Amino acid sequence: MIFCAILQFVPDDAQAVAIMDRFKQRLSPGSHVVVSHPFPGEQPGELFDEVSDVYTNTKTGSFTIRTRKQIAEFLTGTELLEPGLVPVEAWRNGAARPDFGNPSYLCGVGRLR
């Protein structure tokens, strides 16, 4: 199941987690779940505020940015595959060391137990 740039449009954290849980319950053990989600960075800048403002003025009406811990909750109940929950540009094999200081999208792939 692929949730790339989807859950950011669900503003309620509990509802976003519940959506993921419902999908994971319907998948077979060994299935994979892919998540990417906007992340403000550990030293947030104005860029994501500007992006959020743009989305607020669209039909979606929302754009939710979450912390690394909040994004990791979407993969609860899975075995997180290497390199873990990292910026998308650091996910591929041999990529540079992850930089969590800057705004980015975090990506993770988990295998259902």
PDB file of N, CA and C in Angstrom:
ATOM      1  N   MET A   1       0.848  -1.150   0.000  1.00  0.00           N
ATOM      2  CA  MET A   1       0.000   0.000   0.000  1.00  0.00           C
ATOM      3  C   MET A   1       0.902   1.222   0.000  1.00  0.00           C
ATOM      4  N   ILE A   2       0.605   2.163  -0.872  1.00  0.00           N
ATOM      5  CA  ILE A   2       1.437   3.357  -0.999  1.00  0.00           C
ATOM      6  C   ILE A   2       0.654   4.598  -0.571  1.00  0.00           C
ATOM      7  N   PHE A   3       1.184   5.288   0.436  1.00  0.00           N
ATOM      8  CA  PHE A   3       0.609   6.536   0.933  1.00  0.00           C
ATOM      9  C   PHE A   3       1.650   7.642   0.781  1.00  0.00           C
ATOM     10  N   CYS A   4       1.984   7.958  -0.446  1.00  0.00           N
ATOM     11  CA  CYS A   4       2.960   9.011  -0.702  1.00  0.00           C
ATOM     12  C   CYS A   4       2.231  10.331  -0.889  1.00  0.00           C
ATOM     13  N   ALA A   5       2.546  11.289  -0.025  1.00  0.00           N
ATOM     14  CA  ALA A   5       1.966  12.637  -0.080  1.00  0.00           C
ATOM     15  C   ALA A   5       0.440  12.587  -0.039  1.00  0.00           C
ATOM     16  N   ILE A   6      -0.124  11.732   0.821  1.00  0.00           N
ATOM     17  CA  ILE A   6      -1.578  11.593   0.963  1.00  0.00           C
ATOM     18  C   ILE A   6      -2.039  12.073   2.339  1.00  0.00           C
ATOM     19  N   LEU A   7      -1.398  11.582   3.387  1.00  0.00           N
ATOM     20  CA  LEU A   7      -1.877  11.824   4.746  1.00  0.00           C
ATOM     21  C   LEU A   7      -1.740  13.280   5.186  1.00  0.00           C
ATOM     22  N   GLN A   8      -0.985  14.057   4.470  1.00  0.00           N
ATOM     23  CA  GLN A   8      -0.861  15.486   4.785  1.00  0.00           C
ATOM     24  C   GLN A   8      -2.182  16.227   4.582  1.00  0.00           C
ATOM     25  N   PHE A   9      -3.108  15.620   3.834  1.00  0.00           N
ATOM     26  CA  PHE A   9      -4.404  16.250   3.590  1.00  0.00           C
ATOM     27  C   PHE A   9      -5.467  15.828   4.611  1.00  0.00           C
ATOM     28  N   VAL A  10      -5.051  15.048   5.606  1.00  0.00           N
ATOM     29  CA  VAL A  10      -5.939  14.673   6.715  1.00  0.00           C
ATOM     30  C   VAL A  10      -5.453  15.459   7.925  1.00  0.00           C
ATOM     31  N   PRO A  11      -6.149  16.537   8.286  1.00  0.00           N
ATOM     32  CA  PRO A  11      -5.631  17.419   9.334  1.00  0.00           C
ATOM     33  C   PRO A  11      -5.660  16.838  10.746  1.00  0.00           C
ATOM     34  N   ASP A  12      -6.563  15.934  11.028  1.00  0.00           N
ATOM     35  CA  ASP A  12      -6.680  15.373  12.372  1.00  0.00           C
ATOM     36  C   ASP A  12      -5.703  14.204  12.523  1.00  0.00           C
ATOM     37  N   ASP A  13      -4.791  14.308  13.487  1.00  0.00           N
ATOM     38  CA  ASP A  13      -3.772  13.276  13.675  1.00  0.00           C
ATOM     39  C   ASP A  13      -4.370  11.911  13.979  1.00  0.00           C
ATOM     40  N   ALA A  14      -5.338  11.867  14.888  1.00  0.00           N
ATOM     41  CA  ALA A  14      -5.950  10.585  15.266  1.00  0.00           C
ATOM     42  C   ALA A  14      -6.669   9.954  14.079  1.00  0.00           C
ATOM     43  N   GLN A  15      -7.320  10.757  13.276  1.00  0.00           N
ATOM     44  CA  GLN A  15      -8.015  10.234  12.105  1.00  0.00           C
ATOM     45  C   GLN A  15      -7.018   9.688  11.079  1.00  0.00           C
ATOM     46  N   ALA A  16      -5.899  10.373  10.894  1.00  0.00           N
ATOM     47  CA  ALA A  16      -4.878   9.899   9.954  1.00  0.00           C
ATOM     48  C   ALA A  16      -4.316   8.552  10.397  1.00  0.00           C
ATOM     49  N   VAL A  17      -4.049   8.407  11.690  1.00  0.00           N
ATOM     50  CA  VAL A  17      -3.556   7.133  12.227  1.00  0.00           C
ATOM     51  C   VAL A  17      -4.619   6.047  12.052  1.00  0.00           C
ATOM     52  N   ALA A  18      -5.881   6.384  12.314  1.00  0.00           N
ATOM     53  CA  ALA A  18      -6.973   5.404  12.172  1.00  0.00           C
ATOM     54  C   ALA A  18      -7.110   4.940  10.722  1.00  0.00           C
ATOM     55  N   ILE A  19      -6.948   5.838   9.784  1.00  0.00           N
ATOM     56  CA  ILE A  19      -7.008   5.468   8.359  1.00  0.00           C
ATOM     57  C   ILE A  19      -5.911   4.460   8.050  1.00  0.00           C
ATOM     58  N   MET A  20      -4.700   4.746   8.492  1.00  0.00           N
ATOM     59  CA  MET A  20      -3.586   3.822   8.242  1.00  0.00           C
ATOM     60  C   MET A  20      -3.847   2.469   8.901  1.00  0.00           C
ATOM     61  N   ASP A  21      -4.340   2.496  10.128  1.00  0.00           N
ATOM     62  CA  ASP A  21      -4.607   1.243  10.840  1.00  0.00           C
ATOM     63  C   ASP A  21      -5.632   0.391  10.102  1.00  0.00           C
ATOM     64  N   ARG A  22      -6.684   1.023   9.575  1.00  0.00           N
ATOM     65  CA  ARG A  22      -7.705   0.264   8.830  1.00  0.00           C
ATOM     66  C   ARG A  22      -7.111  -0.395   7.595  1.00  0.00           C
ATOM     67  N   PHE A  23      -6.273   0.315   6.885  1.00  0.00           N
ATOM     68  CA  PHE A  23      -5.643  -0.278   5.699  1.00  0.00           C
ATOM     69  C   PHE A  23      -4.715  -1.418   6.096  1.00  0.00           C
ATOM     70  N   LYS A  24      -3.904  -1.216   7.138  1.00  0.00           N
ATOM     71  CA  LYS A  24      -2.960  -2.258   7.554  1.00  0.00           C
ATOM     72  C   LYS A  24      -3.688  -3.520   8.008  1.00  0.00           C
ATOM     73  N   GLN A  25      -4.850  -3.373   8.638  1.00  0.00           N
ATOM     74  CA  GLN A  25      -5.621  -4.530   9.100  1.00  0.00           C
ATOM     75  C   GLN A  25      -6.098  -5.390   7.938  1.00  0.00           C
ATOM     76  N   ARG A  26      -6.270  -4.807   6.789  1.00  0.00           N
ATOM     77  CA  ARG A  26      -6.795  -5.529   5.632  1.00  0.00           C
ATOM     78  C   ARG A  26      -5.702  -6.158   4.768  1.00  0.00           C
ATOM     79  N   LEU A  27      -4.454  -5.859   5.081  1.00  0.00           N
ATOM     80  CA  LEU A  27      -3.338  -6.404   4.315  1.00  0.00           C
ATOM     81  C   LEU A  27      -2.818  -7.686   4.966  1.00  0.00           C
ATOM     82  N   SER A  28      -2.230  -8.533   4.157  1.00  0.00           N
ATOM     83  CA  SER A  28      -1.662  -9.788   4.653  1.00  0.00           C
ATOM     84  C   SER A  28      -0.305  -9.551   5.300  1.00  0.00           C
ATOM     85  N   PRO A  29       0.040 -10.372   6.289  1.00  0.00           N
ATOM     86  CA  PRO A  29       1.389 -10.283   6.850  1.00  0.00           C
ATOM     87  C   PRO A  29       2.420 -10.418   5.725  1.00  0.00           C
ATOM     88  N   GLY A  30       3.468  -9.644   5.809  1.00  0.00           N
ATOM     89  CA  GLY A  30       4.486  -9.643   4.769  1.00  0.00           C
ATOM     90  C   GLY A  30       4.265  -8.553   3.723  1.00  0.00           C
ATOM     91  N   SER A  31       3.069  -7.958   3.723  1.00  0.00           N
ATOM     92  CA  SER A  31       2.802  -6.845   2.810  1.00  0.00           C
ATOM     93  C   SER A  31       3.636  -5.642   3.219  1.00  0.00           C
ATOM     94  N   HIS A  32       3.834  -4.746   2.284  1.00  0.00           N
ATOM     95  CA  HIS A  32       4.613  -3.544   2.559  1.00  0.00           C
ATOM     96  C   HIS A  32       3.731  -2.306   2.519  1.00  0.00           C
ATOM     97  N   VAL A  33       4.059  -1.359   3.379  1.00  0.00           N
ATOM     98  CA  VAL A  33       3.374  -0.077   3.444  1.00  0.00           C
ATOM     99  C   VAL A  33       4.434   1.003   3.225  1.00  0.00           C
ATOM    100  N   VAL A  34       4.167   1.908   2.297  1.00  0.00           N
ATOM    101  CA  VAL A  34       5.079   3.015   2.010  1.00  0.00           C
ATOM    102  C   VAL A  34       4.389   4.312   2.412  1.00  0.00           C
ATOM    103  N   VAL A  35       5.106   5.143   3.162  1.00  0.00           N
ATOM    104  CA  VAL A  35       4.568   6.426   3.601  1.00  0.00           C
ATOM    105  C   VAL A  35       5.587   7.518   3.286  1.00  0.00           C
ATOM    106  N   SER A  36       5.111   8.607   2.709  1.00  0.00           N
ATOM    107  CA  SER A  36       5.918   9.833   2.660  1.00  0.00           C
ATOM    108  C   SER A  36       5.024  10.960   3.140  1.00  0.00           C
ATOM    109  N   HIS A  37       5.648  11.902   3.843  1.00  0.00           N
ATOM    110  CA  HIS A  37       4.863  12.954   4.489  1.00  0.00           C
ATOM    111  C   HIS A  37       5.755  14.165   4.712  1.00  0.00           C
ATOM    112  N   PRO A  38       5.192  15.385   4.576  1.00  0.00           N
ATOM    113  CA  PRO A  38       6.000  16.576   4.828  1.00  0.00           C
ATOM    114  C   PRO A  38       6.427  16.685   6.284  1.00  0.00           C
ATOM    115  N   PHE A  39       7.635  17.152   6.444  1.00  0.00           N
ATOM    116  CA  PHE A  39       8.292  17.238   7.749  1.00  0.00           C
ATOM    117  C   PHE A  39       8.923  18.627   7.849  1.00  0.00           C
ATOM    118  N   PRO A  40       8.667  19.355   8.932  1.00  0.00           N
ATOM    119  CA  PRO A  40       9.163  20.729   9.012  1.00  0.00           C
ATOM    120  C   PRO A  40      10.661  20.844   9.250  1.00  0.00           C
ATOM    121  N   GLY A  41      11.310  19.729   9.536  1.00  0.00           N
ATOM    122  CA  GLY A  41      12.716  19.772   9.915  1.00  0.00           C
ATOM    123  C   GLY A  41      12.826  20.069  11.392  1.00  0.00           C
ATOM    124  N   GLU A  42      13.965  19.742  11.940  1.00  0.00           N
ATOM    125  CA  GLU A  42      14.171  19.999  13.356  1.00  0.00           C
ATOM    126  C   GLU A  42      14.521  21.460  13.605  1.00  0.00           C
ATOM    127  N   GLN A  43      14.778  22.185  12.521  1.00  0.00           N
ATOM    128  CA  GLN A  43      15.006  23.629  12.578  1.00  0.00           C
ATOM    129  C   GLN A  43      14.122  24.249  11.501  1.00  0.00           C
ATOM    130  N   PRO A  44      12.807  24.293  11.735  1.00  0.00           N
ATOM    131  CA  PRO A  44      11.873  24.716  10.695  1.00  0.00           C
ATOM    132  C   PRO A  44      12.173  26.110  10.143  1.00  0.00           C
ATOM    133  N   GLY A  45      11.907  26.243   8.857  1.00  0.00           N
ATOM    134  CA  GLY A  45      12.067  27.529   8.196  1.00  0.00           C
ATOM    135  C   GLY A  45      10.726  28.036   7.720  1.00  0.00           C
ATOM    136  N   GLU A  46      10.746  29.098   6.977  1.00  0.00           N
ATOM    137  CA  GLU A  46       9.514  29.709   6.489  1.00  0.00           C
ATOM    138  C   GLU A  46       8.947  28.995   5.267  1.00  0.00           C
ATOM    139  N   LEU A  47       9.752  28.162   4.602  1.00  0.00           N
ATOM    140  CA  LEU A  47       9.320  27.506   3.369  1.00  0.00           C
ATOM    141  C   LEU A  47       8.035  26.718   3.568  1.00  0.00           C
ATOM    142  N   PHE A  48       7.964  25.885   4.603  1.00  0.00           N
ATOM    143  CA  PHE A  48       6.774  25.064   4.783  1.00  0.00           C
ATOM    144  C   PHE A  48       5.567  25.905   5.182  1.00  0.00           C
ATOM    145  N   ASP A  49       5.782  27.013   5.853  1.00  0.00           N
ATOM    146  CA  ASP A  49       4.668  27.921   6.149  1.00  0.00           C
ATOM    147  C   ASP A  49       4.081  28.458   4.855  1.00  0.00           C
ATOM    148  N   GLU A  50       4.941  28.806   3.909  1.00  0.00           N
ATOM    149  CA  GLU A  50       4.481  29.320   2.622  1.00  0.00           C
ATOM    150  C   GLU A  50       3.710  28.246   1.851  1.00  0.00           C
ATOM    151  N   VAL A  51       4.225  27.021   1.848  1.00  0.00           N
ATOM    152  CA  VAL A  51       3.547  25.914   1.167  1.00  0.00           C
ATOM    153  C   VAL A  51       2.193  25.663   1.812  1.00  0.00           C
ATOM    154  N   SER A  52       2.159  25.663   3.124  1.00  0.00           N
ATOM    155  CA  SER A  52       0.899  25.452   3.847  1.00  0.00           C
ATOM    156  C   SER A  52      -0.117  26.527   3.490  1.00  0.00           C
ATOM    157  N   ASP A  53       0.325  27.762   3.398  1.00  0.00           N
ATOM    158  CA  ASP A  53      -0.572  28.862   3.023  1.00  0.00           C
ATOM    159  C   ASP A  53      -1.161  28.654   1.637  1.00  0.00           C
ATOM    160  N   VAL A  54      -0.360  28.181   0.697  1.00  0.00           N
ATOM    161  CA  VAL A  54      -0.844  27.929  -0.671  1.00  0.00           C
ATOM    162  C   VAL A  54      -1.938  26.866  -0.646  1.00  0.00           C
ATOM    163  N   TYR A  55      -1.694  25.752   0.060  1.00  0.00           N
ATOM    164  CA  TYR A  55      -2.683  24.674   0.117  1.00  0.00           C
ATOM    165  C   TYR A  55      -3.956  25.087   0.850  1.00  0.00           C
ATOM    166  N   THR A  56      -3.831  25.955   1.823  1.00  0.00           N
ATOM    167  CA  THR A  56      -5.006  26.416   2.555  1.00  0.00           C
ATOM    168  C   THR A  56      -5.985  27.124   1.636  1.00  0.00           C
ATOM    169  N   ASN A  57      -5.474  27.713   0.581  1.00  0.00           N
ATOM    170  CA  ASN A  57      -6.314  28.439  -0.374  1.00  0.00           C
ATOM    171  C   ASN A  57      -6.782  27.582  -1.548  1.00  0.00           C
ATOM    172  N   THR A  58      -6.599  26.261  -1.471  1.00  0.00           N
ATOM    173  CA  THR A  58      -7.065  25.363  -2.520  1.00  0.00           C
ATOM    174  C   THR A  58      -8.301  24.610  -2.047  1.00  0.00           C
ATOM    175  N   LYS A  59      -8.848  23.780  -2.922  1.00  0.00           N
ATOM    176  CA  LYS A  59     -10.038  22.998  -2.559  1.00  0.00           C
ATOM    177  C   LYS A  59      -9.777  22.028  -1.418  1.00  0.00           C
ATOM    178  N   THR A  60      -8.541  21.557  -1.267  1.00  0.00           N
ATOM    179  CA  THR A  60      -8.255  20.627  -0.164  1.00  0.00           C
ATOM    180  C   THR A  60      -8.437  21.322   1.164  1.00  0.00           C
ATOM    181  N   GLY A  61      -8.106  22.604   1.210  1.00  0.00           N
ATOM    182  CA  GLY A  61      -8.319  23.398   2.413  1.00  0.00           C
ATOM    183  C   GLY A  61      -7.368  23.131   3.549  1.00  0.00           C
ATOM    184  N   SER A  62      -6.463  22.193   3.388  1.00  0.00           N
ATOM    185  CA  SER A  62      -5.533  21.923   4.483  1.00  0.00           C
ATOM    186  C   SER A  62      -4.259  21.286   3.968  1.00  0.00           C
ATOM    187  N   PHE A  63      -3.257  21.410   4.760  1.00  0.00           N
ATOM    188  CA  PHE A  63      -1.959  20.798   4.479  1.00  0.00           C
ATOM    189  C   PHE A  63      -1.301  20.641   5.838  1.00  0.00           C
ATOM    190  N   THR A  64      -1.216  19.428   6.328  1.00  0.00           N
ATOM    191  CA  THR A  64      -0.725  19.185   7.680  1.00  0.00           C
ATOM    192  C   THR A  64       0.716  18.712   7.646  1.00  0.00           C
ATOM    193  N   ILE A  65       1.534  19.387   8.392  1.00  0.00           N
ATOM    194  CA  ILE A  65       2.935  19.007   8.522  1.00  0.00           C
ATOM    195  C   ILE A  65       3.073  18.326   9.876  1.00  0.00           C
ATOM    196  N   ARG A  66       3.790  17.203   9.912  1.00  0.00           N
ATOM    197  CA  ARG A  66       3.906  16.445  11.157  1.00  0.00           C
ATOM    198  C   ARG A  66       5.371  16.208  11.518  1.00  0.00           C
ATOM    199  N   THR A  67       5.583  15.942  12.796  1.00  0.00           N
ATOM    200  CA  THR A  67       6.921  15.642  13.298  1.00  0.00           C
ATOM    201  C   THR A  67       7.333  14.230  12.883  1.00  0.00           C
ATOM    202  N   ARG A  68       8.594  13.940  13.081  1.00  0.00           N
ATOM    203  CA  ARG A  68       9.098  12.600  12.765  1.00  0.00           C
ATOM    204  C   ARG A  68       8.369  11.554  13.608  1.00  0.00           C
ATOM    205  N   LYS A  69       8.126  11.848  14.873  1.00  0.00           N
ATOM    206  CA  LYS A  69       7.416  10.913  15.748  1.00  0.00           C
ATOM    207  C   LYS A  69       5.990  10.670  15.248  1.00  0.00           C
ATOM    208  N   GLN A  70       5.291  11.729  14.846  1.00  0.00           N
ATOM    209  CA  GLN A  70       3.922  11.586  14.344  1.00  0.00           C
ATOM    210  C   GLN A  70       3.896  10.764  13.058  1.00  0.00           C
ATOM    211  N   ILE A  71       4.845  10.978  12.180  1.00  0.00           N
ATOM    212  CA  ILE A  71       4.892  10.232  10.918  1.00  0.00           C
ATOM    213  C   ILE A  71       5.216   8.764  11.194  1.00  0.00           C
ATOM    214  N   ALA A  72       6.096   8.509  12.142  1.00  0.00           N
ATOM    215  CA  ALA A  72       6.458   7.132  12.493  1.00  0.00           C
ATOM    216  C   ALA A  72       5.244   6.340  12.986  1.00  0.00           C
ATOM    217  N   GLU A  73       4.277   7.025  13.609  1.00  0.00           N
ATOM    218  CA  GLU A  73       3.068   6.335  14.087  1.00  0.00           C
ATOM    219  C   GLU A  73       2.315   5.653  12.950  1.00  0.00           C
ATOM    220  N   PHE A  74       2.408   6.190  11.748  1.00  0.00           N
ATOM    221  CA  PHE A  74       1.722   5.579  10.609  1.00  0.00           C
ATOM    222  C   PHE A  74       2.272   4.196  10.298  1.00  0.00           C
ATOM    223  N   LEU A  75       3.494   3.926  10.717  1.00  0.00           N
ATOM    224  CA  LEU A  75       4.138   2.642  10.423  1.00  0.00           C
ATOM    225  C   LEU A  75       4.164   1.710  11.637  1.00  0.00           C
ATOM    226  N   THR A  76       3.426   2.054  12.689  1.00  0.00           N
ATOM    227  CA  THR A  76       3.319   1.190  13.866  1.00  0.00           C
ATOM    228  C   THR A  76       2.760  -0.166  13.440  1.00  0.00           C
ATOM    229  N   GLY A  77       3.337  -1.226  13.981  1.00  0.00           N
ATOM    230  CA  GLY A  77       2.890  -2.575  13.640  1.00  0.00           C
ATOM    231  C   GLY A  77       3.605  -3.150  12.433  1.00  0.00           C
ATOM    232  N   THR A  78       4.608  -2.412  11.944  1.00  0.00           N
ATOM    233  CA  THR A  78       5.401  -2.917  10.822  1.00  0.00           C
ATOM    234  C   THR A  78       6.862  -3.013  11.242  1.00  0.00           C
ATOM    235  N   GLU A  79       7.603  -3.786  10.491  1.00  0.00           N
ATOM    236  CA  GLU A  79       9.055  -3.824  10.645  1.00  0.00           C
ATOM    237  C   GLU A  79       9.596  -2.775   9.686  1.00  0.00           C
ATOM    238  N   LEU A  80      10.158  -1.699  10.214  1.00  0.00           N
ATOM    239  CA  LEU A  80      10.658  -0.606   9.389  1.00  0.00           C
ATOM    240  C   LEU A  80      11.918  -1.055   8.663  1.00  0.00           C
ATOM    241  N   LEU A  81      11.892  -0.989   7.339  1.00  0.00           N
ATOM    242  CA  LEU A  81      13.033  -1.420   6.543  1.00  0.00           C
ATOM    243  C   LEU A  81      14.108  -0.339   6.515  1.00  0.00           C
ATOM    244  N   GLU A  82      15.358  -0.766   6.329  1.00  0.00           N
ATOM    245  CA  GLU A  82      16.487   0.165   6.244  1.00  0.00           C
ATOM    246  C   GLU A  82      16.330   1.039   5.011  1.00  0.00           C
ATOM    247  N   PRO A  83      16.656   2.293   5.125  1.00  0.00           N
ATOM    248  CA  PRO A  83      17.373   2.965   6.201  1.00  0.00           C
ATOM    249  C   PRO A  83      16.469   3.583   7.264  1.00  0.00           C
ATOM    250  N   GLY A  84      15.194   3.204   7.302  1.00  0.00           N
ATOM    251  CA  GLY A  84      14.274   3.715   8.307  1.00  0.00           C
ATOM    252  C   GLY A  84      13.456   4.876   7.786  1.00  0.00           C
ATOM    253  N   LEU A  85      12.990   5.691   8.685  1.00  0.00           N
ATOM    254  CA  LEU A  85      12.197   6.864   8.340  1.00  0.00           C
ATOM    255  C   LEU A  85      13.161   8.025   8.157  1.00  0.00           C
ATOM    256  N   VAL A  86      13.421   8.379   6.920  1.00  0.00           N
ATOM    257  CA  VAL A  86      14.439   9.379   6.587  1.00  0.00           C
ATOM    258  C   VAL A  86      13.911  10.313   5.500  1.00  0.00           C
ATOM    259  N   PRO A  87      14.588  11.446   5.280  1.00  0.00           N
ATOM    260  CA  PRO A  87      14.208  12.294   4.144  1.00  0.00           C
ATOM    261  C   PRO A  87      14.254  11.491   2.846  1.00  0.00           C
ATOM    262  N   VAL A  88      13.305  11.749   1.956  1.00  0.00           N
ATOM    263  CA  VAL A  88      13.201  10.941   0.739  1.00  0.00           C
ATOM    264  C   VAL A  88      14.512  10.888  -0.038  1.00  0.00           C
ATOM    265  N   GLU A  89      15.258  11.979  -0.033  1.00  0.00           N
ATOM    266  CA  GLU A  89      16.507  11.992  -0.799  1.00  0.00           C
ATOM    267  C   GLU A  89      17.580  11.096  -0.181  1.00  0.00           C
ATOM    268  N   ALA A  90      17.386  10.650   1.057  1.00  0.00           N
ATOM    269  CA  ALA A  90      18.353   9.779   1.717  1.00  0.00           C
ATOM    270  C   ALA A  90      17.887   8.331   1.760  1.00  0.00           C
ATOM    271  N   TRP A  91      16.732   8.027   1.174  1.00  0.00           N
ATOM    272  CA  TRP A  91      16.201   6.668   1.323  1.00  0.00           C
ATOM    273  C   TRP A  91      16.901   5.651   0.445  1.00  0.00           C
ATOM    274  N   ARG A  92      17.309   6.020  -0.728  1.00  0.00           N
ATOM    275  CA  ARG A  92      17.905   5.037  -1.636  1.00  0.00           C
ATOM    276  C   ARG A  92      19.273   4.563  -1.138  1.00  0.00           C
ATOM    277  N   ASN A  93      19.630   3.381  -1.557  1.00  0.00           N
ATOM    278  CA  ASN A  93      20.875   2.758  -1.147  1.00  0.00           C
ATOM    279  C   ASN A  93      22.063   3.635  -1.554  1.00  0.00           C
ATOM    280  N   GLY A  94      22.945   3.874  -0.619  1.00  0.00           N
ATOM    281  CA  GLY A  94      24.146   4.638  -0.904  1.00  0.00           C
ATOM    282  C   GLY A  94      23.955   6.143  -0.844  1.00  0.00           C
ATOM    283  N   ALA A  95      22.787   6.598  -0.413  1.00  0.00           N
ATOM    284  CA  ALA A  95      22.533   8.035  -0.338  1.00  0.00           C
ATOM    285  C   ALA A  95      23.325   8.649   0.813  1.00  0.00           C
ATOM    286  N   ALA A  96      23.397   9.950   0.766  1.00  0.00           N
ATOM    287  CA  ALA A  96      24.098  10.684   1.816  1.00  0.00           C
ATOM    288  C   ALA A  96      23.424  10.471   3.172  1.00  0.00           C
ATOM    289  N   ARG A  97      24.160  10.748   4.210  1.00  0.00           N
ATOM    290  CA  ARG A  97      23.626  10.629   5.574  1.00  0.00           C
ATOM    291  C   ARG A  97      22.404  11.534   5.724  1.00  0.00           C
ATOM    292  N   PRO A  98      21.331  11.038   6.330  1.00  0.00           N
ATOM    293  CA  PRO A  98      20.100  11.840   6.465  1.00  0.00           C
ATOM    294  C   PRO A  98      20.318  13.138   7.225  1.00  0.00           C
ATOM    295  N   ASP A  99      19.715  14.206   6.733  1.00  0.00           N
ATOM    296  CA  ASP A  99      19.757  15.504   7.386  1.00  0.00           C
ATOM    297  C   ASP A  99      18.340  15.835   7.843  1.00  0.00           C
ATOM    298  N   PHE A 100      18.087  15.737   9.143  1.00  0.00           N
ATOM    299  CA  PHE A 100      16.762  16.000   9.691  1.00  0.00           C
ATOM    300  C   PHE A 100      16.585  17.466  10.087  1.00  0.00           C
ATOM    301  N   GLY A 101      17.594  18.283   9.852  1.00  0.00           N
ATOM    302  CA  GLY A 101      17.533  19.673  10.244  1.00  0.00           C
ATOM    303  C   GLY A 101      16.703  20.540   9.323  1.00  0.00           C
ATOM    304  N   ASN A 102      16.577  20.146   8.067  1.00  0.00           N
ATOM    305  CA  ASN A 102      15.878  20.956   7.081  1.00  0.00           C
ATOM    306  C   ASN A 102      14.489  20.404   6.767  1.00  0.00           C
ATOM    307  N   PRO A 103      13.590  21.284   6.324  1.00  0.00           N
ATOM    308  CA  PRO A 103      12.277  20.800   5.886  1.00  0.00           C
ATOM    309  C   PRO A 103      12.441  19.815   4.728  1.00  0.00           C
ATOM    310  N   SER A 104      11.606  18.811   4.713  1.00  0.00           N
ATOM    311  CA  SER A 104      11.697  17.774   3.689  1.00  0.00           C
ATOM    312  C   SER A 104      10.411  16.944   3.724  1.00  0.00           C
ATOM    313  N   TYR A 105      10.410  15.905   2.935  1.00  0.00           N
ATOM    314  CA  TYR A 105       9.420  14.843   3.061  1.00  0.00           C
ATOM    315  C   TYR A 105      10.162  13.664   3.658  1.00  0.00           C
ATOM    316  N   LEU A 106       9.564  13.050   4.684  1.00  0.00           N
ATOM    317  CA  LEU A 106      10.143  11.826   5.227  1.00  0.00           C
ATOM    318  C   LEU A 106       9.474  10.648   4.552  1.00  0.00           C
ATOM    319  N   CYS A 107      10.241   9.593   4.378  1.00  0.00           N
ATOM    320  CA  CYS A 107       9.741   8.381   3.728  1.00  0.00           C
ATOM    321  C   CYS A 107      10.163   7.171   4.547  1.00  0.00           C
ATOM    322  N   GLY A 108       9.266   6.207   4.615  1.00  0.00           N
ATOM    323  CA  GLY A 108       9.575   4.954   5.282  1.00  0.00           C
ATOM    324  C   GLY A 108       8.807   3.821   4.626  1.00  0.00           C
ATOM    325  N   VAL A 109       9.401   2.641   4.671  1.00  0.00           N
ATOM    326  CA  VAL A 109       8.757   1.437   4.156  1.00  0.00           C
ATOM    327  C   VAL A 109       8.736   0.428   5.292  1.00  0.00           C
ATOM    328  N   GLY A 110       7.538  -0.062   5.591  1.00  0.00           N
ATOM    329  CA  GLY A 110       7.403  -1.048   6.656  1.00  0.00           C
ATOM    330  C   GLY A 110       6.785  -2.339   6.131  1.00  0.00           C
ATOM    331  N   ARG A 111       7.263  -3.448   6.665  1.00  0.00           N
ATOM    332  CA  ARG A 111       6.713  -4.772   6.325  1.00  0.00           C
ATOM    333  C   ARG A 111       5.788  -5.187   7.451  1.00  0.00           C
ATOM    334  N   LEU A 112       4.549  -5.540   7.105  1.00  0.00           N
ATOM    335  CA  LEU A 112       3.584  -5.963   8.115  1.00  0.00           C
ATOM    336  C   LEU A 112       4.002  -7.275   8.741  1.00  0.00           C
ATOM    337  N   ARG A 113       3.850  -7.337  10.047  1.00  0.00           N
ATOM    338  CA  ARG A 113       4.216  -8.558  10.781  1.00  0.00           C
ATOM    339  C   ARG A 113       3.074  -9.533  10.753  1.00  0.00           C
TER     340      ARG A 113
END
